[in-house]
Amino acid sequence: MSAPYRLLGADLSPYTAKIRACLRYKGIEHTYVRRSAATEAEFQRHARLPLLPILIGSDDFSIQDSTPMLATLEERHPSPPAVPNDAGLAFLALLLEEYADEWAYKIMFRARWSQPDAAAELGRRIAADVLAEDAGDDRDASAQAFAERMTLRLGTVGATDANGAVLDASFVRLLRLLDGHLGQHVFLLGGRPSAGDFALAAQLGQMLGERATGALVRREGPHVAAWIEMTLDAPKAAGDWASFDDVAPTLMPFLVQEVAGTFLAWSRANAEAMRENAEEFSVDLDGGTWTQEPQKYPAKTLGELRRKRQELGSHARLDALLGEAGVDRVLRPA
């Protein structure tokens, strides 16, 4: 009998790693299938966009986009829970997931594709995964094409050399602030992993697996490195969710400096540029001035996050935390 789900993805896709971590945590029977020449027909049959992963059910149900994918898995398989029962903590999980998917991704993308030698090696790894072993010269040509295509995307993502100082500073700050928090908590929100854990560990896990960035992660964030490995490889509940008041103090510095001061400052400027149909925008962030062409998808997801924040309504502890951190200046503008 076939497994209830097939996850069609790639080893170098952080969003694939994000969903695999959730499936493992929930003990959901599934088969992981790498996208390759052998699975291309299945990919084309289910893909609405040229993105990985795709989650395919035994009833031919399929879904793309890792954020609704996690929500769907939670709805279909609520135990063990990956959403806190406290509405404030549940929103924090969504906020951290958004930070991971839209900002930590930029850090990962720069680390992966900005150096020509590293990009060439990654191109060869992708070609080896995708093409048959007897592809011969086609594999070399494809490896070069993969590397060139991803390198060209550095500008679209904003992970350019001009923005490099901002991303490099953010990377180190992220590790140090997160390490302080994870020195006190097993997962981001206590004893259970949430969407925030799956998403952020997946982005950082890609860098932990590389020589130079892996050494940086282990040096600046030893607790982070251990958490990444546990979350991605064998996530298990080690207790219940933390109380809101317990998790908030050690999470506050991260929310202030990384989520509000860096990611949401960028996200608001990007959304405003999209609304004004600007060709380019600049915003001052810690580490320098950031300049890029606006991105449509992060503007859309910021709107969705604002909608969810509004729907949540009054939550005294969350209101105080996000107000002090500066998060609500972006999510609930006056």
C-alpha atoms as a PDB file:
ATOM      1  CA  MET A   1       0.000   0.000   0.000  1.00  0.00           C
ATOM      2  CA  SER A   2       1.381   3.409  -0.952  1.00  0.00           C
ATOM      3  CA  ALA A   3       2.079   6.077   1.650  1.00  0.00           C
ATOM      4  CA  PRO A   4      -0.667   8.670   2.162  1.00  0.00           C
ATOM      5  CA  TYR A   5       1.592  11.447   0.867  1.00  0.00           C
ATOM      6  CA  ARG A   6       4.372  11.970  -1.632  1.00  0.00           C
ATOM      7  CA  LEU A   7       6.606  14.987  -1.085  1.00  0.00           C
ATOM      8  CA  LEU A   8       8.194  16.001  -4.356  1.00  0.00           C
ATOM      9  CA  GLY A   9      11.143  18.222  -3.568  1.00  0.00           C
ATOM     10  CA  ALA A  10      14.897  18.745  -3.593  1.00  0.00           C
ATOM     11  CA  ASP A  11      17.674  18.341  -1.051  1.00  0.00           C
ATOM     12  CA  LEU A  12      18.869  21.912  -1.658  1.00  0.00           C
ATOM     13  CA  SER A  13      15.389  23.377  -1.169  1.00  0.00           C
ATOM     14  CA  PRO A  14      14.912  24.861   2.322  1.00  0.00           C
ATOM     15  CA  TYR A  15      11.155  24.785   1.805  1.00  0.00           C
ATOM     16  CA  THR A  16      11.336  21.046   1.160  1.00  0.00           C
ATOM     17  CA  ALA A  17      13.293  20.655   4.420  1.00  0.00           C
ATOM     18  CA  LYS A  18      10.643  22.729   6.198  1.00  0.00           C
ATOM     19  CA  ILE A  19       7.839  20.372   5.180  1.00  0.00           C
ATOM     20  CA  ARG A  20       9.887  17.221   5.801  1.00  0.00           C
ATOM     21  CA  ALA A  21      10.516  18.400   9.372  1.00  0.00           C
ATOM     22  CA  CYS A  22       6.788  18.821   9.967  1.00  0.00           C
ATOM     23  CA  LEU A  23       5.978  15.420   8.471  1.00  0.00           C
ATOM     24  CA  ARG A  24       8.609  13.799  10.694  1.00  0.00           C
ATOM     25  CA  TYR A  25       7.392  15.567  13.811  1.00  0.00           C
ATOM     26  CA  LYS A  26       3.812  14.525  13.232  1.00  0.00           C
ATOM     27  CA  GLY A  27       4.779  10.980  12.273  1.00  0.00           C
ATOM     28  CA  ILE A  28       2.876  11.292   8.989  1.00  0.00           C
ATOM     29  CA  GLU A  29       3.535   8.441   6.600  1.00  0.00           C
ATOM     30  CA  HIS A  30       5.057   9.811   3.410  1.00  0.00           C
ATOM     31  CA  THR A  31       7.505   9.153   0.624  1.00  0.00           C
ATOM     32  CA  TYR A  32      10.112  11.771  -0.213  1.00  0.00           C
ATOM     33  CA  VAL A  33      10.778  11.930  -3.949  1.00  0.00           C
ATOM     34  CA  ARG A  34      13.467  14.136  -5.493  1.00  0.00           C
ATOM     35  CA  ARG A  35      12.492  16.083  -8.566  1.00  0.00           C
ATOM     36  CA  SER A  36      14.435  14.570 -11.441  1.00  0.00           C
ATOM     37  CA  ALA A  37      14.061  13.514 -15.053  1.00  0.00           C
ATOM     38  CA  ALA A  38      12.275  10.417 -13.771  1.00  0.00           C
ATOM     39  CA  THR A  39       9.681  12.431 -11.803  1.00  0.00           C
ATOM     40  CA  GLU A  40       9.286  15.392 -14.159  1.00  0.00           C
ATOM     41  CA  ALA A  41       5.964  14.182 -15.553  1.00  0.00           C
ATOM     42  CA  GLU A  42       4.524  13.977 -12.034  1.00  0.00           C
ATOM     43  CA  PHE A  43       5.850  17.448 -11.247  1.00  0.00           C
ATOM     44  CA  GLN A  44       4.286  18.942 -14.373  1.00  0.00           C
ATOM     45  CA  ARG A  45       0.965  17.251 -13.638  1.00  0.00           C
ATOM     46  CA  HIS A  46       0.655  18.878 -10.217  1.00  0.00           C
ATOM     47  CA  ALA A  47       2.679  22.095 -10.464  1.00  0.00           C
ATOM     48  CA  ARG A  48       0.806  25.366 -10.742  1.00  0.00           C
ATOM     49  CA  LEU A  49       4.074  27.267 -10.370  1.00  0.00           C
ATOM     50  CA  PRO A  50       7.680  26.182 -11.034  1.00  0.00           C
ATOM     51  CA  LEU A  51       8.317  25.800  -7.300  1.00  0.00           C
ATOM     52  CA  LEU A  52       9.277  23.055  -4.863  1.00  0.00           C
ATOM     53  CA  PRO A  53       8.075  21.258  -2.896  1.00  0.00           C
ATOM     54  CA  ILE A  54       4.732  19.792  -3.908  1.00  0.00           C
ATOM     55  CA  LEU A  55       2.782  17.700  -1.411  1.00  0.00           C
ATOM     56  CA  ILE A  56       0.662  15.059  -3.142  1.00  0.00           C
ATOM     57  CA  GLY A  57      -1.972  12.997  -1.346  1.00  0.00           C
ATOM     58  CA  SER A  58      -3.061   9.458  -2.181  1.00  0.00           C
ATOM     59  CA  ASP A  59      -6.387  10.976  -3.281  1.00  0.00           C
ATOM     60  CA  ASP A  60      -4.434  13.049  -5.866  1.00  0.00           C
ATOM     61  CA  PHE A  61      -4.805  16.119  -3.660  1.00  0.00           C
ATOM     62  CA  SER A  62      -1.810  18.413  -4.142  1.00  0.00           C
ATOM     63  CA  ILE A  63      -0.626  21.721  -2.757  1.00  0.00           C
ATOM     64  CA  GLN A  64       2.296  24.073  -3.337  1.00  0.00           C
ATOM     65  CA  ASP A  65       3.634  26.873  -1.121  1.00  0.00           C
ATOM     66  CA  SER A  66       5.045  25.732   2.175  1.00  0.00           C
ATOM     67  CA  THR A  67       3.018  28.057   4.413  1.00  0.00           C
ATOM     68  CA  PRO A  68      -0.473  26.806   3.435  1.00  0.00           C
ATOM     69  CA  MET A  69       1.073  23.328   3.259  1.00  0.00           C
ATOM     70  CA  LEU A  70       1.886  23.454   6.982  1.00  0.00           C
ATOM     71  CA  ALA A  71      -1.592  24.771   7.752  1.00  0.00           C
ATOM     72  CA  THR A  72      -3.146  21.942   5.744  1.00  0.00           C
ATOM     73  CA  LEU A  73      -1.073  19.309   7.532  1.00  0.00           C
ATOM     74  CA  GLU A  74      -2.101  20.767  10.887  1.00  0.00           C
ATOM     75  CA  GLU A  75      -5.757  20.662   9.895  1.00  0.00           C
ATOM     76  CA  ARG A  76      -5.583  17.093   8.599  1.00  0.00           C
ATOM     77  CA  HIS A  77      -3.235  15.783  11.305  1.00  0.00           C
ATOM     78  CA  PRO A  78      -3.705  17.885  14.458  1.00  0.00           C
ATOM     79  CA  SER A  79      -1.772  15.542  16.750  1.00  0.00           C
ATOM     80  CA  PRO A  80       0.874  16.148  17.865  1.00  0.00           C
ATOM     81  CA  PRO A  81       0.099  19.852  17.599  1.00  0.00           C
ATOM     82  CA  ALA A  82       2.437  22.270  15.841  1.00  0.00           C
ATOM     83  CA  VAL A  83       0.285  25.316  16.624  1.00  0.00           C
ATOM     84  CA  PRO A  84       0.307  26.720  20.191  1.00  0.00           C
ATOM     85  CA  ASN A  85      -3.028  26.822  22.002  1.00  0.00           C
ATOM     86  CA  ASP A  86      -2.302  30.387  23.135  1.00  0.00           C
ATOM     87  CA  ALA A  87      -3.406  32.740  20.334  1.00  0.00           C
ATOM     88  CA  GLY A  88      -0.502  35.101  21.014  1.00  0.00           C
ATOM     89  CA  LEU A  89       2.095  32.348  20.735  1.00  0.00           C
ATOM     90  CA  ALA A  90       0.364  31.034  17.613  1.00  0.00           C
ATOM     91  CA  PHE A  91       0.740  34.445  15.989  1.00  0.00           C
ATOM     92  CA  LEU A  92       4.402  34.618  17.020  1.00  0.00           C
ATOM     93  CA  ALA A  93       4.916  31.290  15.234  1.00  0.00           C
ATOM     94  CA  LEU A  94       3.451  32.764  12.039  1.00  0.00           C
ATOM     95  CA  LEU A  95       5.596  35.887  12.397  1.00  0.00           C
ATOM     96  CA  LEU A  96       8.781  33.844  12.816  1.00  0.00           C
ATOM     97  CA  GLU A  97       7.814  31.669   9.855  1.00  0.00           C
ATOM     98  CA  GLU A  98       7.403  34.790   7.715  1.00  0.00           C
ATOM     99  CA  TYR A  99      10.790  36.114   8.856  1.00  0.00           C
ATOM    100  CA  ALA A 100      12.403  32.810   7.903  1.00  0.00           C
ATOM    101  CA  ASP A 101      10.716  32.438   4.526  1.00  0.00           C
ATOM    102  CA  GLU A 102      11.232  35.994   3.340  1.00  0.00           C
ATOM    103  CA  TRP A 103      14.344  37.315   5.111  1.00  0.00           C
ATOM    104  CA  ALA A 104      16.493  34.412   6.322  1.00  0.00           C
ATOM    105  CA  TYR A 105      16.048  33.081   2.777  1.00  0.00           C
ATOM    106  CA  LYS A 106      17.962  36.124   1.498  1.00  0.00           C
ATOM    107  CA  ILE A 107      20.816  35.412   3.907  1.00  0.00           C
ATOM    108  CA  MET A 108      20.890  31.795   2.749  1.00  0.00           C
ATOM    109  CA  PHE A 109      20.687  32.754  -0.923  1.00  0.00           C
ATOM    110  CA  ARG A 110      23.640  35.136  -0.680  1.00  0.00           C
ATOM    111  CA  ALA A 111      25.718  32.592   1.232  1.00  0.00           C
ATOM    112  CA  ARG A 112      24.938  29.929  -1.364  1.00  0.00           C
ATOM    113  CA  TRP A 113      25.177  31.719  -4.704  1.00  0.00           C
ATOM    114  CA  SER A 114      27.326  34.858  -4.375  1.00  0.00           C
ATOM    115  CA  GLN A 115      30.692  33.058  -4.606  1.00  0.00           C
ATOM    116  CA  PRO A 116      31.500  31.674  -8.095  1.00  0.00           C
ATOM    117  CA  ASP A 117      33.299  28.523  -6.914  1.00  0.00           C
ATOM    118  CA  ALA A 118      30.538  27.628  -4.453  1.00  0.00           C
ATOM    119  CA  ALA A 119      27.868  28.374  -7.056  1.00  0.00           C
ATOM    120  CA  ALA A 120      29.590  26.122  -9.596  1.00  0.00           C
ATOM    121  CA  GLU A 121      29.778  23.250  -7.097  1.00  0.00           C
ATOM    122  CA  LEU A 122      26.112  23.658  -6.184  1.00  0.00           C
ATOM    123  CA  GLY A 123      25.227  23.691  -9.880  1.00  0.00           C
ATOM    124  CA  ARG A 124      26.987  20.333 -10.244  1.00  0.00           C
ATOM    125  CA  ARG A 125      25.092  18.934  -7.244  1.00  0.00           C
ATOM    126  CA  ILE A 126      21.754  20.027  -8.678  1.00  0.00           C
ATOM    127  CA  ALA A 127      22.584  18.561 -12.089  1.00  0.00           C
ATOM    128  CA  ALA A 128      23.586  15.276 -10.469  1.00  0.00           C
ATOM    129  CA  ASP A 129      20.215  15.126  -8.694  1.00  0.00           C
ATOM    130  CA  VAL A 130      18.106  16.111 -11.669  1.00  0.00           C
ATOM    131  CA  LEU A 131      19.772  14.337 -14.591  1.00  0.00           C
ATOM    132  CA  ALA A 132      20.319  10.663 -15.277  1.00  0.00           C
ATOM    133  CA  GLU A 133      23.785   9.229 -14.637  1.00  0.00           C
ATOM    134  CA  ASP A 134      24.428   8.723 -18.351  1.00  0.00           C
ATOM    135  CA  ALA A 135      23.679  12.356 -19.218  1.00  0.00           C
ATOM    136  CA  GLY A 136      27.349  12.962 -20.056  1.00  0.00           C
ATOM    137  CA  ASP A 137      28.068  16.404 -21.498  1.00  0.00           C
ATOM    138  CA  ASP A 138      24.480  17.439 -20.820  1.00  0.00           C
ATOM    139  CA  ARG A 139      25.192  17.253 -17.097  1.00  0.00           C
ATOM    140  CA  ASP A 140      28.120  19.687 -17.350  1.00  0.00           C
ATOM    141  CA  ALA A 141      26.096  22.103 -19.454  1.00  0.00           C
ATOM    142  CA  SER A 142      23.143  21.850 -17.104  1.00  0.00           C
ATOM    143  CA  ALA A 143      25.348  22.401 -14.058  1.00  0.00           C
ATOM    144  CA  GLN A 144      26.647  25.624 -15.563  1.00  0.00           C
ATOM    145  CA  ALA A 145      23.142  26.705 -16.559  1.00  0.00           C
ATOM    146  CA  PHE A 146      21.790  26.066 -13.058  1.00  0.00           C
ATOM    147  CA  ALA A 147      24.584  28.098 -11.469  1.00  0.00           C
ATOM    148  CA  GLU A 148      24.178  30.972 -13.915  1.00  0.00           C
ATOM    149  CA  ARG A 149      20.411  31.106 -13.501  1.00  0.00           C
ATOM    150  CA  MET A 150      20.592  31.189  -9.706  1.00  0.00           C
ATOM    151  CA  THR A 151      23.404  33.750  -9.730  1.00  0.00           C
ATOM    152  CA  LEU A 152      21.271  36.019 -11.903  1.00  0.00           C
ATOM    153  CA  ARG A 153      18.492  35.754  -9.292  1.00  0.00           C
ATOM    154  CA  LEU A 154      20.711  37.404  -6.672  1.00  0.00           C
ATOM    155  CA  GLY A 155      19.481  40.784  -7.911  1.00  0.00           C
ATOM    156  CA  THR A 156      15.826  39.778  -7.799  1.00  0.00           C
ATOM    157  CA  VAL A 157      16.174  38.486  -4.246  1.00  0.00           C
ATOM    158  CA  GLY A 158      18.205  41.538  -3.261  1.00  0.00           C
ATOM    159  CA  ALA A 159      21.185  39.435  -2.181  1.00  0.00           C
ATOM    160  CA  THR A 160      23.658  41.539  -4.159  1.00  0.00           C
ATOM    161  CA  ASP A 161      27.187  42.551  -3.237  1.00  0.00           C
ATOM    162  CA  ALA A 162      25.879  46.067  -2.584  1.00  0.00           C
ATOM    163  CA  ASN A 163      23.496  44.672   0.044  1.00  0.00           C
ATOM    164  CA  GLY A 164      25.999  42.134   1.306  1.00  0.00           C
ATOM    165  CA  ALA A 165      27.039  44.062   4.416  1.00  0.00           C
ATOM    166  CA  VAL A 166      23.416  44.226   5.588  1.00  0.00           C
ATOM    167  CA  LEU A 167      22.874  40.492   5.087  1.00  0.00           C
ATOM    168  CA  ASP A 168      26.200  39.515   6.641  1.00  0.00           C
ATOM    169  CA  ALA A 169      25.500  41.615   9.732  1.00  0.00           C
ATOM    170  CA  SER A 170      21.984  40.202   9.948  1.00  0.00           C
ATOM    171  CA  PHE A 171      23.295  36.642   9.754  1.00  0.00           C
ATOM    172  CA  VAL A 172      25.650  37.057  12.707  1.00  0.00           C
ATOM    173  CA  ARG A 173      23.059  38.991  14.720  1.00  0.00           C
ATOM    174  CA  LEU A 174      20.433  36.344  14.017  1.00  0.00           C
ATOM    175  CA  LEU A 175      22.708  33.585  15.285  1.00  0.00           C
ATOM    176  CA  ARG A 176      23.732  35.411  18.445  1.00  0.00           C
ATOM    177  CA  LEU A 177      20.235  36.539  19.420  1.00  0.00           C
ATOM    178  CA  LEU A 178      18.662  33.199  18.617  1.00  0.00           C
ATOM    179  CA  ASP A 179      21.391  31.395  20.552  1.00  0.00           C
ATOM    180  CA  GLY A 180      20.531  33.345  23.685  1.00  0.00           C
ATOM    181  CA  HIS A 181      16.896  32.376  23.329  1.00  0.00           C
ATOM    182  CA  LEU A 182      17.531  28.700  22.544  1.00  0.00           C
ATOM    183  CA  GLY A 183      19.860  28.429  25.493  1.00  0.00           C
ATOM    184  CA  GLN A 184      16.682  28.769  27.594  1.00  0.00           C
ATOM    185  CA  HIS A 185      14.129  26.911  25.450  1.00  0.00           C
ATOM    186  CA  VAL A 186      14.182  23.624  23.531  1.00  0.00           C
ATOM    187  CA  PHE A 187      12.238  25.150  20.631  1.00  0.00           C
ATOM    188  CA  LEU A 188      11.345  28.726  19.755  1.00  0.00           C
ATOM    189  CA  LEU A 189       8.096  28.655  21.730  1.00  0.00           C
ATOM    190  CA  GLY A 190       8.828  26.099  24.408  1.00  0.00           C
ATOM    191  CA  GLY A 191       8.806  22.313  24.380  1.00  0.00           C
ATOM    192  CA  ARG A 192       7.179  21.785  20.978  1.00  0.00           C
ATOM    193  CA  PRO A 193       8.196  22.849  17.464  1.00  0.00           C
ATOM    194  CA  SER A 194       5.984  25.205  15.480  1.00  0.00           C
ATOM    195  CA  ALA A 195       5.922  26.585  11.942  1.00  0.00           C
ATOM    196  CA  GLY A 196       8.543  29.096  13.057  1.00  0.00           C
ATOM    197  CA  ASP A 197      10.921  26.284  14.037  1.00  0.00           C
ATOM    198  CA  PHE A 198      10.400  24.311  10.839  1.00  0.00           C
ATOM    199  CA  ALA A 199      10.856  27.365   8.623  1.00  0.00           C
ATOM    200  CA  LEU A 200      13.858  28.949  10.319  1.00  0.00           C
ATOM    201  CA  ALA A 201      15.714  25.691  10.976  1.00  0.00           C
ATOM    202  CA  ALA A 202      15.235  24.800   7.299  1.00  0.00           C
ATOM    203  CA  GLN A 203      16.878  28.008   6.069  1.00  0.00           C
ATOM    204  CA  LEU A 204      19.720  27.849   8.574  1.00  0.00           C
ATOM    205  CA  GLY A 205      20.120  24.118   8.002  1.00  0.00           C
ATOM    206  CA  GLN A 206      21.134  24.775   4.410  1.00  0.00           C
ATOM    207  CA  MET A 207      23.982  26.937   5.713  1.00  0.00           C
ATOM    208  CA  LEU A 208      24.915  24.536   8.503  1.00  0.00           C
ATOM    209  CA  GLY A 209      25.591  21.959   5.814  1.00  0.00           C
ATOM    210  CA  GLU A 210      28.163  24.121   4.010  1.00  0.00           C
ATOM    211  CA  ARG A 211      31.769  24.359   5.179  1.00  0.00           C
ATOM    212  CA  ALA A 212      32.249  28.114   5.673  1.00  0.00           C
ATOM    213  CA  THR A 213      28.747  29.030   6.811  1.00  0.00           C
ATOM    214  CA  GLY A 214      28.477  25.865   8.886  1.00  0.00           C
ATOM    215  CA  ALA A 215      31.552  26.876  10.860  1.00  0.00           C
ATOM    216  CA  LEU A 216      30.022  30.306  11.449  1.00  0.00           C
ATOM    217  CA  VAL A 217      26.753  28.825  12.690  1.00  0.00           C
ATOM    218  CA  ARG A 218      28.540  26.520  15.140  1.00  0.00           C
ATOM    219  CA  ARG A 219      30.826  29.284  16.395  1.00  0.00           C
ATOM    220  CA  GLU A 220      28.232  32.031  16.855  1.00  0.00           C
ATOM    221  CA  GLY A 221      25.261  29.831  17.696  1.00  0.00           C
ATOM    222  CA  PRO A 222      26.107  26.468  19.260  1.00  0.00           C
ATOM    223  CA  HIS A 223      22.587  26.153  20.671  1.00  0.00           C
ATOM    224  CA  VAL A 224      21.244  27.118  17.259  1.00  0.00           C
ATOM    225  CA  ALA A 225      23.265  24.373  15.562  1.00  0.00           C
ATOM    226  CA  ALA A 226      21.942  21.720  17.946  1.00  0.00           C
ATOM    227  CA  TRP A 227      18.380  22.990  17.510  1.00  0.00           C
ATOM    228  CA  ILE A 228      18.682  22.910  13.699  1.00  0.00           C
ATOM    229  CA  GLU A 229      19.815  19.293  13.688  1.00  0.00           C
ATOM    230  CA  MET A 230      17.123  18.210  16.142  1.00  0.00           C
ATOM    231  CA  THR A 231      14.334  20.114  14.374  1.00  0.00           C
ATOM    232  CA  LEU A 232      15.168  18.856  10.897  1.00  0.00           C
ATOM    233  CA  ASP A 233      16.262  15.300  11.623  1.00  0.00           C
ATOM    234  CA  ALA A 234      14.237  14.011  14.569  1.00  0.00           C
ATOM    235  CA  PRO A 235      11.862  16.618  16.004  1.00  0.00           C
ATOM    236  CA  LYS A 236      10.059  15.434  19.126  1.00  0.00           C
ATOM    237  CA  ALA A 237       8.101  17.242  21.788  1.00  0.00           C
ATOM    238  CA  ALA A 238      10.161  17.730  24.938  1.00  0.00           C
ATOM    239  CA  GLY A 239       7.325  19.252  26.927  1.00  0.00           C
ATOM    240  CA  ASP A 240       4.439  21.619  26.389  1.00  0.00           C
ATOM    241  CA  TRP A 241       4.380  25.117  24.967  1.00  0.00           C
ATOM    242  CA  ALA A 242       6.024  27.727  27.160  1.00  0.00           C
ATOM    243  CA  SER A 243       3.861  30.332  28.816  1.00  0.00           C
ATOM    244  CA  PHE A 244       3.757  33.607  26.940  1.00  0.00           C
ATOM    245  CA  ASP A 245       5.465  35.431  29.796  1.00  0.00           C
ATOM    246  CA  ASP A 246       8.263  32.838  29.899  1.00  0.00           C
ATOM    247  CA  VAL A 247       9.144  32.962  26.218  1.00  0.00           C
ATOM    248  CA  ALA A 248       8.743  36.705  25.652  1.00  0.00           C
ATOM    249  CA  PRO A 249      11.827  38.106  27.505  1.00  0.00           C
ATOM    250  CA  THR A 250      14.443  36.045  25.632  1.00  0.00           C
ATOM    251  CA  LEU A 251      12.635  36.442  22.318  1.00  0.00           C
ATOM    252  CA  MET A 252      12.348  40.242  22.677  1.00  0.00           C
ATOM    253  CA  PRO A 253      15.883  41.154  21.477  1.00  0.00           C
ATOM    254  CA  PHE A 254      15.403  39.045  18.354  1.00  0.00           C
ATOM    255  CA  LEU A 255      12.020  40.655  17.669  1.00  0.00           C
ATOM    256  CA  VAL A 256      13.411  44.160  18.150  1.00  0.00           C
ATOM    257  CA  GLN A 257      16.580  43.884  16.101  1.00  0.00           C
ATOM    258  CA  GLU A 258      15.896  41.235  13.489  1.00  0.00           C
ATOM    259  CA  VAL A 259      12.139  40.958  12.975  1.00  0.00           C
ATOM    260  CA  ALA A 260      11.074  44.597  13.407  1.00  0.00           C
ATOM    261  CA  GLY A 261      14.307  46.510  12.850  1.00  0.00           C
ATOM    262  CA  THR A 262      15.502  44.554   9.832  1.00  0.00           C
ATOM    263  CA  PHE A 263      12.922  42.296   8.188  1.00  0.00           C
ATOM    264  CA  LEU A 264       9.739  44.311   8.694  1.00  0.00           C
ATOM    265  CA  ALA A 265      11.514  47.577   7.908  1.00  0.00           C
ATOM    266  CA  TRP A 266      12.521  46.030   4.587  1.00  0.00           C
ATOM    267  CA  SER A 267       9.112  44.445   4.076  1.00  0.00           C
ATOM    268  CA  ARG A 268       7.233  47.711   4.598  1.00  0.00           C
ATOM    269  CA  ALA A 269       9.517  49.558   2.159  1.00  0.00           C
ATOM    270  CA  ASN A 270       9.094  46.763  -0.377  1.00  0.00           C
ATOM    271  CA  ALA A 271       5.292  46.819  -0.079  1.00  0.00           C
ATOM    272  CA  GLU A 272       5.205  50.599  -0.461  1.00  0.00           C
ATOM    273  CA  ALA A 273       7.361  50.358  -3.584  1.00  0.00           C
ATOM    274  CA  MET A 274       5.019  47.732  -5.025  1.00  0.00           C
ATOM    275  CA  ARG A 275       2.005  49.937  -4.300  1.00  0.00           C
ATOM    276  CA  GLU A 276       3.680  52.900  -6.031  1.00  0.00           C
ATOM    277  CA  ASN A 277       4.832  50.771  -8.997  1.00  0.00           C
ATOM    278  CA  ALA A 278       8.409  51.843  -8.330  1.00  0.00           C
ATOM    279  CA  GLU A 279      11.199  50.210 -10.282  1.00  0.00           C
ATOM    280  CA  GLU A 280      13.540  50.300  -7.285  1.00  0.00           C
ATOM    281  CA  PHE A 281      13.483  51.196  -3.615  1.00  0.00           C
ATOM    282  CA  SER A 282      16.022  51.915  -0.892  1.00  0.00           C
ATOM    283  CA  VAL A 283      15.733  51.588   2.869  1.00  0.00           C
ATOM    284  CA  ASP A 284      18.261  52.208   5.643  1.00  0.00           C
ATOM    285  CA  LEU A 285      18.878  49.059   7.651  1.00  0.00           C
ATOM    286  CA  ASP A 286      21.443  48.106  10.268  1.00  0.00           C
ATOM    287  CA  GLY A 287      24.618  47.599   8.228  1.00  0.00           C
ATOM    288  CA  GLY A 288      23.880  50.053   5.429  1.00  0.00           C
ATOM    289  CA  THR A 289      21.396  51.173   2.808  1.00  0.00           C
ATOM    290  CA  TRP A 290      19.507  48.390   1.072  1.00  0.00           C
ATOM    291  CA  THR A 291      18.517  48.849  -2.587  1.00  0.00           C
ATOM    292  CA  GLN A 292      16.644  46.475  -4.898  1.00  0.00           C
ATOM    293  CA  GLU A 293      13.704  46.109  -7.246  1.00  0.00           C
ATOM    294  CA  PRO A 294      10.451  45.430  -5.342  1.00  0.00           C
ATOM    295  CA  GLN A 295       9.210  41.858  -4.948  1.00  0.00           C
ATOM    296  CA  LYS A 296       5.550  41.014  -5.424  1.00  0.00           C
ATOM    297  CA  TYR A 297       5.261  37.882  -3.279  1.00  0.00           C
ATOM    298  CA  PRO A 298       6.645  39.334  -0.003  1.00  0.00           C
ATOM    299  CA  ALA A 299       4.304  42.314  -0.418  1.00  0.00           C
ATOM    300  CA  LYS A 300       1.425  39.856  -0.674  1.00  0.00           C
ATOM    301  CA  THR A 301       2.487  37.862   2.387  1.00  0.00           C
ATOM    302  CA  LEU A 302       2.953  41.048   4.433  1.00  0.00           C
ATOM    303  CA  GLY A 303      -0.652  41.903   3.618  1.00  0.00           C
ATOM    304  CA  GLU A 304      -1.725  38.463   4.766  1.00  0.00           C
ATOM    305  CA  LEU A 305       0.246  38.795   8.008  1.00  0.00           C
ATOM    306  CA  ARG A 306      -1.361  42.183   8.659  1.00  0.00           C
ATOM    307  CA  ARG A 307      -4.789  40.676   8.064  1.00  0.00           C
ATOM    308  CA  LYS A 308      -4.141  37.880  10.560  1.00  0.00           C
ATOM    309  CA  ARG A 309      -2.817  40.348  13.122  1.00  0.00           C
ATOM    310  CA  GLN A 310      -5.987  42.412  12.740  1.00  0.00           C
ATOM    311  CA  GLU A 311      -8.218  39.346  13.017  1.00  0.00           C
ATOM    312  CA  LEU A 312      -6.528  38.309  16.244  1.00  0.00           C
ATOM    313  CA  GLY A 313      -7.803  41.432  17.945  1.00  0.00           C
ATOM    314  CA  SER A 314      -6.847  42.270  21.508  1.00  0.00           C
ATOM    315  CA  HIS A 315      -4.334  40.031  23.293  1.00  0.00           C
ATOM    316  CA  ALA A 316      -2.849  41.974  26.186  1.00  0.00           C
ATOM    317  CA  ARG A 317       0.511  40.174  26.367  1.00  0.00           C
ATOM    318  CA  LEU A 318       1.024  40.070  22.598  1.00  0.00           C
ATOM    319  CA  ASP A 319      -0.050  43.694  22.188  1.00  0.00           C
ATOM    320  CA  ALA A 320       2.511  44.769  24.775  1.00  0.00           C
ATOM    321  CA  LEU A 321       5.301  42.645  23.313  1.00  0.00           C
ATOM    322  CA  LEU A 322       4.801  43.604  19.666  1.00  0.00           C
ATOM    323  CA  GLY A 323       4.225  47.217  20.591  1.00  0.00           C
ATOM    324  CA  GLU A 324       7.480  47.423  22.547  1.00  0.00           C
ATOM    325  CA  ALA A 325       9.406  45.495  19.891  1.00  0.00           C
ATOM    326  CA  GLY A 326       8.234  47.810  17.120  1.00  0.00           C
ATOM    327  CA  VAL A 327       6.511  45.037  15.208  1.00  0.00           C
ATOM    328  CA  ASP A 328       3.044  46.567  15.389  1.00  0.00           C
ATOM    329  CA  ARG A 329       4.274  49.807  13.827  1.00  0.00           C
ATOM    330  CA  VAL A 330       4.352  47.775  10.608  1.00  0.00           C
ATOM    331  CA  LEU A 331       1.596  45.231  11.186  1.00  0.00           C
ATOM    332  CA  ARG A 332      -0.938  47.634  12.724  1.00  0.00           C
ATOM    333  CA  PRO A 333      -0.039  51.052  11.286  1.00  0.00           C
ATOM    334  CA  ALA A 334      -2.019  53.988  12.624  1.00  0.00           C
END
